Amino acid sequence: MNKKEFIREIAHRSGLSEYAVNEIYNISYELVAEKLISGENVDLPKVGSFVLITKNARNLLQGTAANIARTCVYPYFKTSETLKNRVKNAARYKKSSEKL
């Protein structure tokens, strides 16, 4: 499912216009980005969390004066247990019904 299909489905289920849903989607993206940039995590109950992880940067110039310890910060999405379990149980049910 791509963004356009996602927006169309939400508009259909909610009764809102595709334009309104697209605006909500874009505002949501901007809000998540702003919060991550400011160092905050974003928790979406039943869906997951956007968190920041810090990793050491690779130094490709080992043994030179450029050996400076640097870190990089990356956004990471951690799926909620609720969503994981729902998908896992649906997949398990689908497999068991295919055997019949």
C-alpha atoms as a PDB file:
ATOM      1  CA  MET A   1       0.000   0.000   0.000  1.00  0.00           C
ATOM      2  CA  ASN A   2       1.433   3.358  -0.972  1.00  0.00           C
ATOM      3  CA  LYS A   3       0.616   6.822   0.390  1.00  0.00           C
ATOM      4  CA  LYS A   4      -2.117   7.522  -2.159  1.00  0.00           C
ATOM      5  CA  GLU A   5      -3.876   4.213  -1.465  1.00  0.00           C
ATOM      6  CA  PHE A   6      -3.494   4.752   2.283  1.00  0.00           C
ATOM      7  CA  ILE A   7      -5.069   8.211   2.098  1.00  0.00           C
ATOM      8  CA  ARG A   8      -7.874   6.982  -0.157  1.00  0.00           C
ATOM      9  CA  GLU A   9      -8.717   4.145   2.265  1.00  0.00           C
ATOM     10  CA  ILE A  10      -8.741   6.427   5.312  1.00  0.00           C
ATOM     11  CA  ALA A  11     -10.936   8.926   3.454  1.00  0.00           C
ATOM     12  CA  HIS A  12     -13.345   6.142   2.502  1.00  0.00           C
ATOM     13  CA  ARG A  13     -13.544   4.725   6.030  1.00  0.00           C
ATOM     14  CA  SER A  14     -13.790   8.091   7.793  1.00  0.00           C
ATOM     15  CA  GLY A  15     -16.038  10.007   5.400  1.00  0.00           C
ATOM     16  CA  LEU A  16     -13.465  12.807   5.161  1.00  0.00           C
ATOM     17  CA  SER A  17     -12.248  14.135   1.836  1.00  0.00           C
ATOM     18  CA  GLU A  18      -8.987  12.837   0.405  1.00  0.00           C
ATOM     19  CA  TYR A  19      -7.698  16.423   0.563  1.00  0.00           C
ATOM     20  CA  ALA A  20      -8.419  16.643   4.309  1.00  0.00           C
ATOM     21  CA  VAL A  21      -6.816  13.257   4.996  1.00  0.00           C
ATOM     22  CA  ASN A  22      -3.763  14.234   2.940  1.00  0.00           C
ATOM     23  CA  GLU A  23      -3.395  17.440   4.987  1.00  0.00           C
ATOM     24  CA  ILE A  24      -3.661  15.468   8.238  1.00  0.00           C
ATOM     25  CA  TYR A  25      -1.042  13.024   6.940  1.00  0.00           C
ATOM     26  CA  ASN A  26       1.347  15.844   6.002  1.00  0.00           C
ATOM     27  CA  ILE A  27       0.844  17.636   9.332  1.00  0.00           C
ATOM     28  CA  SER A  28       1.444  14.353  11.176  1.00  0.00           C
ATOM     29  CA  TYR A  29       4.690  13.822   9.289  1.00  0.00           C
ATOM     30  CA  GLU A  30       5.862  17.363  10.071  1.00  0.00           C
ATOM     31  CA  LEU A  31       4.961  16.974  13.741  1.00  0.00           C
ATOM     32  CA  VAL A  32       6.853  13.677  14.075  1.00  0.00           C
ATOM     33  CA  ALA A  33       9.887  15.169  12.302  1.00  0.00           C
ATOM     34  CA  GLU A  34       9.861  18.295  14.499  1.00  0.00           C
ATOM     35  CA  LYS A  35       9.642  16.257  17.706  1.00  0.00           C
ATOM     36  CA  LEU A  36      12.473  13.939  16.641  1.00  0.00           C
ATOM     37  CA  ILE A  37      14.644  16.903  15.619  1.00  0.00           C
ATOM     38  CA  SER A  38      14.075  18.448  19.052  1.00  0.00           C
ATOM     39  CA  GLY A  39      15.206  15.185  20.676  1.00  0.00           C
ATOM     40  CA  GLU A  40      11.808  13.867  21.724  1.00  0.00           C
ATOM     41  CA  ASN A  41      10.444  10.390  21.043  1.00  0.00           C
ATOM     42  CA  VAL A  42       6.954  10.028  19.576  1.00  0.00           C
ATOM     43  CA  ASP A  43       4.698   7.272  20.925  1.00  0.00           C
ATOM     44  CA  LEU A  44       1.639   6.226  18.904  1.00  0.00           C
ATOM     45  CA  PRO A  45      -0.392   3.821  21.050  1.00  0.00           C
ATOM     46  CA  LYS A  46      -1.321   0.537  19.311  1.00  0.00           C
ATOM     47  CA  VAL A  47       1.053   1.394  16.421  1.00  0.00           C
ATOM     48  CA  GLY A  48       4.548   1.978  17.765  1.00  0.00           C
ATOM     49  CA  SER A  49       7.149   4.551  18.682  1.00  0.00           C
ATOM     50  CA  PHE A  50       9.545   6.732  16.767  1.00  0.00           C
ATOM     51  CA  VAL A  51      12.732   6.882  18.802  1.00  0.00           C
ATOM     52  CA  LEU A  52      16.192   8.286  18.278  1.00  0.00           C
ATOM     53  CA  ILE A  53      19.158   5.941  18.387  1.00  0.00           C
ATOM     54  CA  THR A  54      22.771   7.019  18.562  1.00  0.00           C
ATOM     55  CA  LYS A  55      25.526   5.133  16.783  1.00  0.00           C
ATOM     56  CA  ASN A  56      29.226   5.753  16.516  1.00  0.00           C
ATOM     57  CA  ALA A  57      30.160   7.083  13.101  1.00  0.00           C
ATOM     58  CA  ARG A  58      32.525   4.980  11.044  1.00  0.00           C
ATOM     59  CA  ASN A  59      35.909   6.472  10.561  1.00  0.00           C
ATOM     60  CA  LEU A  60      37.164   5.467   7.143  1.00  0.00           C
ATOM     61  CA  LEU A  61      40.486   7.248   7.678  1.00  0.00           C
ATOM     62  CA  GLN A  62      41.818   5.082  10.494  1.00  0.00           C
ATOM     63  CA  GLY A  63      45.282   5.865  11.733  1.00  0.00           C
ATOM     64  CA  THR A  64      45.247   9.471  10.602  1.00  0.00           C
ATOM     65  CA  ALA A  65      44.620  12.791  12.282  1.00  0.00           C
ATOM     66  CA  ALA A  66      40.967  12.351  11.299  1.00  0.00           C
ATOM     67  CA  ASN A  67      40.483   9.808  14.118  1.00  0.00           C
ATOM     68  CA  ILE A  68      37.810  11.809  15.875  1.00  0.00           C
ATOM     69  CA  ALA A  69      35.079  10.010  17.777  1.00  0.00           C
ATOM     70  CA  ARG A  70      31.767  11.143  16.307  1.00  0.00           C
ATOM     71  CA  THR A  71      28.259   9.899  16.743  1.00  0.00           C
ATOM     72  CA  CYS A  72      25.288   9.870  14.416  1.00  0.00           C
ATOM     73  CA  VAL A  73      21.655  10.042  15.438  1.00  0.00           C
ATOM     74  CA  TYR A  74      19.049   8.083  13.471  1.00  0.00           C
ATOM     75  CA  PRO A  75      15.268   7.860  13.753  1.00  0.00           C
ATOM     76  CA  TYR A  76      14.041   4.334  14.389  1.00  0.00           C
ATOM     77  CA  PHE A  77      10.491   2.953  14.428  1.00  0.00           C
ATOM     78  CA  LYS A  78       9.697   0.357  17.051  1.00  0.00           C
ATOM     79  CA  THR A  79       6.449  -1.544  16.404  1.00  0.00           C
ATOM     80  CA  SER A  80       4.087  -1.861  19.384  1.00  0.00           C
ATOM     81  CA  GLU A  81       3.473  -5.254  20.954  1.00  0.00           C
ATOM     82  CA  THR A  82      -0.248  -4.801  20.210  1.00  0.00           C
ATOM     83  CA  LEU A  83       0.380  -4.511  16.473  1.00  0.00           C
ATOM     84  CA  LYS A  84       2.990  -7.291  16.450  1.00  0.00           C
ATOM     85  CA  ASN A  85       0.600  -9.682  18.187  1.00  0.00           C
ATOM     86  CA  ARG A  86      -2.339  -8.770  15.948  1.00  0.00           C
ATOM     87  CA  VAL A  87      -0.330  -9.449  12.786  1.00  0.00           C
ATOM     88  CA  LYS A  88       1.228 -12.610  14.216  1.00  0.00           C
ATOM     89  CA  ASN A  89      -2.140 -14.021  15.288  1.00  0.00           C
ATOM     90  CA  ALA A  90      -3.746 -13.159  11.938  1.00  0.00           C
ATOM     91  CA  ALA A  91      -0.913 -14.910  10.095  1.00  0.00           C
ATOM     92  CA  ARG A  92      -1.217 -17.949  12.375  1.00  0.00           C
ATOM     93  CA  TYR A  93      -4.993 -18.095  11.806  1.00  0.00           C
ATOM     94  CA  LYS A  94      -4.517 -17.778   8.060  1.00  0.00           C
ATOM     95  CA  LYS A  95      -2.027 -20.675   8.012  1.00  0.00           C
ATOM     96  CA  SER A  96      -4.275 -22.937  10.096  1.00  0.00           C
ATOM     97  CA  SER A  97      -7.317 -22.229   7.887  1.00  0.00           C
ATOM     98  CA  GLU A  98      -5.303 -23.021   4.728  1.00  0.00           C
ATOM     99  CA  LYS A  99      -4.654 -26.542   6.033  1.00  0.00           C
ATOM    100  CA  LEU A 100      -8.381 -27.311   6.078  1.00  0.00           C
END
